[in-house]
Amino acid sequence: MPLYEYITADPEKGCRICKKGFEIRRPVSRPPMETCPLCRNPVKKLVSRGVSSPSITKPLSVSDAKKAGFTVLEKRDEGTYEKL
């Protein structure tokens, strides 16, 4: 399920949660939220700032790739690969 961000539509109103903004996991099939779940004031959906992806601190070695279940191939000639 994707993670959505919401913030209050009117900064003068709203509870302490929706004034700062909140994140919620919801199925893609459900429509966007229109009100805060706590105070019922109108909220608007924010555009996400980034994508959550794992960071790799070092390049994967051949043995690491094999342990992870990948097939490692090395190019030998033009159009010919050999399995390591």
C-alpha atoms as a PDB file:
ATOM      1  CA  MET A   1       0.000   0.000   0.000  1.00  0.00           C
ATOM      2  CA  PRO A   2       1.312   3.455  -0.839  1.00  0.00           C
ATOM      3  CA  LEU A   3       2.021   6.117   1.742  1.00  0.00           C
ATOM      4  CA  TYR A   4       0.106   9.401   1.325  1.00  0.00           C
ATOM      5  CA  GLU A   5       0.793  12.774   2.954  1.00  0.00           C
ATOM      6  CA  TYR A   6      -1.942  15.192   4.018  1.00  0.00           C
ATOM      7  CA  ILE A   7      -2.035  18.644   5.627  1.00  0.00           C
ATOM      8  CA  THR A   8      -4.872  20.886   6.757  1.00  0.00           C
ATOM      9  CA  ALA A   9      -6.473  23.009   4.038  1.00  0.00           C
ATOM     10  CA  ASP A  10      -6.901  25.956   6.448  1.00  0.00           C
ATOM     11  CA  PRO A  11      -3.860  26.636   8.710  1.00  0.00           C
ATOM     12  CA  GLU A  12      -6.042  28.640  11.134  1.00  0.00           C
ATOM     13  CA  LYS A  13      -8.154  25.564  11.888  1.00  0.00           C
ATOM     14  CA  GLY A  14      -7.270  21.984  12.579  1.00  0.00           C
ATOM     15  CA  CYS A  15      -5.675  19.933  15.300  1.00  0.00           C
ATOM     16  CA  ARG A  16      -1.961  19.767  16.092  1.00  0.00           C
ATOM     17  CA  ILE A  17      -1.608  16.670  13.894  1.00  0.00           C
ATOM     18  CA  CYS A  18      -3.066  18.003  10.637  1.00  0.00           C
ATOM     19  CA  LYS A  19      -1.456  21.442  11.069  1.00  0.00           C
ATOM     20  CA  LYS A  20       1.990  19.800  10.871  1.00  0.00           C
ATOM     21  CA  GLY A  21       0.865  17.226   8.322  1.00  0.00           C
ATOM     22  CA  PHE A  22       0.541  13.484   8.620  1.00  0.00           C
ATOM     23  CA  GLU A  23       1.226  10.326   6.615  1.00  0.00           C
ATOM     24  CA  ILE A  24      -1.180   7.437   6.172  1.00  0.00           C
ATOM     25  CA  ARG A  25      -1.099   4.128   4.298  1.00  0.00           C
ATOM     26  CA  ARG A  26      -4.159   3.587   2.118  1.00  0.00           C
ATOM     27  CA  PRO A  27      -5.008   1.244  -0.755  1.00  0.00           C
ATOM     28  CA  VAL A  28      -4.750   2.779  -4.218  1.00  0.00           C
ATOM     29  CA  SER A  29      -8.387   1.863  -4.869  1.00  0.00           C
ATOM     30  CA  ARG A  30      -9.686   4.157  -2.081  1.00  0.00           C
ATOM     31  CA  PRO A  31     -10.414   7.817  -2.864  1.00  0.00           C
ATOM     32  CA  PRO A  32      -8.236  10.554  -1.284  1.00  0.00           C
ATOM     33  CA  MET A  33      -9.113  11.651   2.252  1.00  0.00           C
ATOM     34  CA  GLU A  34     -11.152  14.839   2.509  1.00  0.00           C
ATOM     35  CA  THR A  35     -11.124  15.351   6.297  1.00  0.00           C
ATOM     36  CA  CYS A  36      -8.694  14.823   9.151  1.00  0.00           C
ATOM     37  CA  PRO A  37      -9.443  11.559  11.001  1.00  0.00           C
ATOM     38  CA  LEU A  38      -9.139  13.340  14.381  1.00  0.00           C
ATOM     39  CA  CYS A  39     -10.701  16.806  14.067  1.00  0.00           C
ATOM     40  CA  ARG A  40     -12.745  16.363  10.842  1.00  0.00           C
ATOM     41  CA  ASN A  41     -11.425  19.607   9.307  1.00  0.00           C
ATOM     42  CA  PRO A  42     -10.721  19.588   5.543  1.00  0.00           C
ATOM     43  CA  VAL A  43      -7.302  18.327   4.446  1.00  0.00           C
ATOM     44  CA  LYS A  44      -5.448  18.345   1.139  1.00  0.00           C
ATOM     45  CA  LYS A  45      -3.114  15.728  -0.289  1.00  0.00           C
ATOM     46  CA  LEU A  46       0.539  16.734  -0.666  1.00  0.00           C
ATOM     47  CA  VAL A  47       2.870  15.760  -3.465  1.00  0.00           C
ATOM     48  CA  SER A  48       5.505  13.410  -2.071  1.00  0.00           C
ATOM     49  CA  ARG A  49       8.995  14.799  -1.670  1.00  0.00           C
ATOM     50  CA  GLY A  50      10.819  11.657  -2.618  1.00  0.00           C
ATOM     51  CA  VAL A  51      10.784   7.966  -3.175  1.00  0.00           C
ATOM     52  CA  SER A  52      11.780   5.561  -0.474  1.00  0.00           C
ATOM     53  CA  SER A  53      14.414   3.208  -1.805  1.00  0.00           C
ATOM     54  CA  PRO A  54      17.126   1.218  -0.093  1.00  0.00           C
ATOM     55  CA  SER A  55      20.597   2.681  -0.269  1.00  0.00           C
ATOM     56  CA  ILE A  56      23.567   0.508  -1.162  1.00  0.00           C
ATOM     57  CA  THR A  57      26.719   1.584   0.601  1.00  0.00           C
ATOM     58  CA  LYS A  58      29.135  -0.548  -1.417  1.00  0.00           C
ATOM     59  CA  PRO A  59      29.048  -2.215  -4.842  1.00  0.00           C
ATOM     60  CA  LEU A  60      27.794  -5.784  -4.808  1.00  0.00           C
ATOM     61  CA  SER A  61      30.419  -8.452  -5.303  1.00  0.00           C
ATOM     62  CA  VAL A  62      29.882 -11.582  -7.395  1.00  0.00           C
ATOM     63  CA  SER A  63      29.511 -13.691  -4.231  1.00  0.00           C
ATOM     64  CA  ASP A  64      26.959 -11.226  -2.760  1.00  0.00           C
ATOM     65  CA  ALA A  65      24.940 -11.336  -5.986  1.00  0.00           C
ATOM     66  CA  LYS A  66      24.973 -15.153  -6.003  1.00  0.00           C
ATOM     67  CA  LYS A  67      23.890 -15.271  -2.331  1.00  0.00           C
ATOM     68  CA  ALA A  68      20.980 -12.977  -3.199  1.00  0.00           C
ATOM     69  CA  GLY A  69      19.873 -15.423  -5.907  1.00  0.00           C
ATOM     70  CA  PHE A  70      21.055 -13.588  -9.022  1.00  0.00           C
ATOM     71  CA  THR A  71      22.723 -15.254 -11.986  1.00  0.00           C
ATOM     72  CA  VAL A  72      26.040 -13.555 -12.748  1.00  0.00           C
ATOM     73  CA  LEU A  73      27.182 -13.427 -16.368  1.00  0.00           C
ATOM     74  CA  GLU A  74      30.458 -12.153 -17.798  1.00  0.00           C
ATOM     75  CA  LYS A  75      30.915 -11.039 -21.408  1.00  0.00           C
ATOM     76  CA  ARG A  76      33.510 -13.147 -23.237  1.00  0.00           C
ATOM     77  CA  ASP A  77      33.174 -12.350 -26.966  1.00  0.00           C
ATOM     78  CA  GLU A  78      30.848 -10.300 -29.122  1.00  0.00           C
ATOM     79  CA  GLY A  79      27.368 -11.541 -28.053  1.00  0.00           C
ATOM     80  CA  THR A  80      28.746 -14.389 -25.899  1.00  0.00           C
ATOM     81  CA  TYR A  81      28.323 -14.506 -22.146  1.00  0.00           C
ATOM     82  CA  GLU A  82      29.617 -17.065 -19.656  1.00  0.00           C
ATOM     83  CA  LYS A  83      27.919 -17.930 -16.372  1.00  0.00           C
ATOM     84  CA  LEU A  84      30.196 -17.393 -13.364  1.00  0.00           C
END
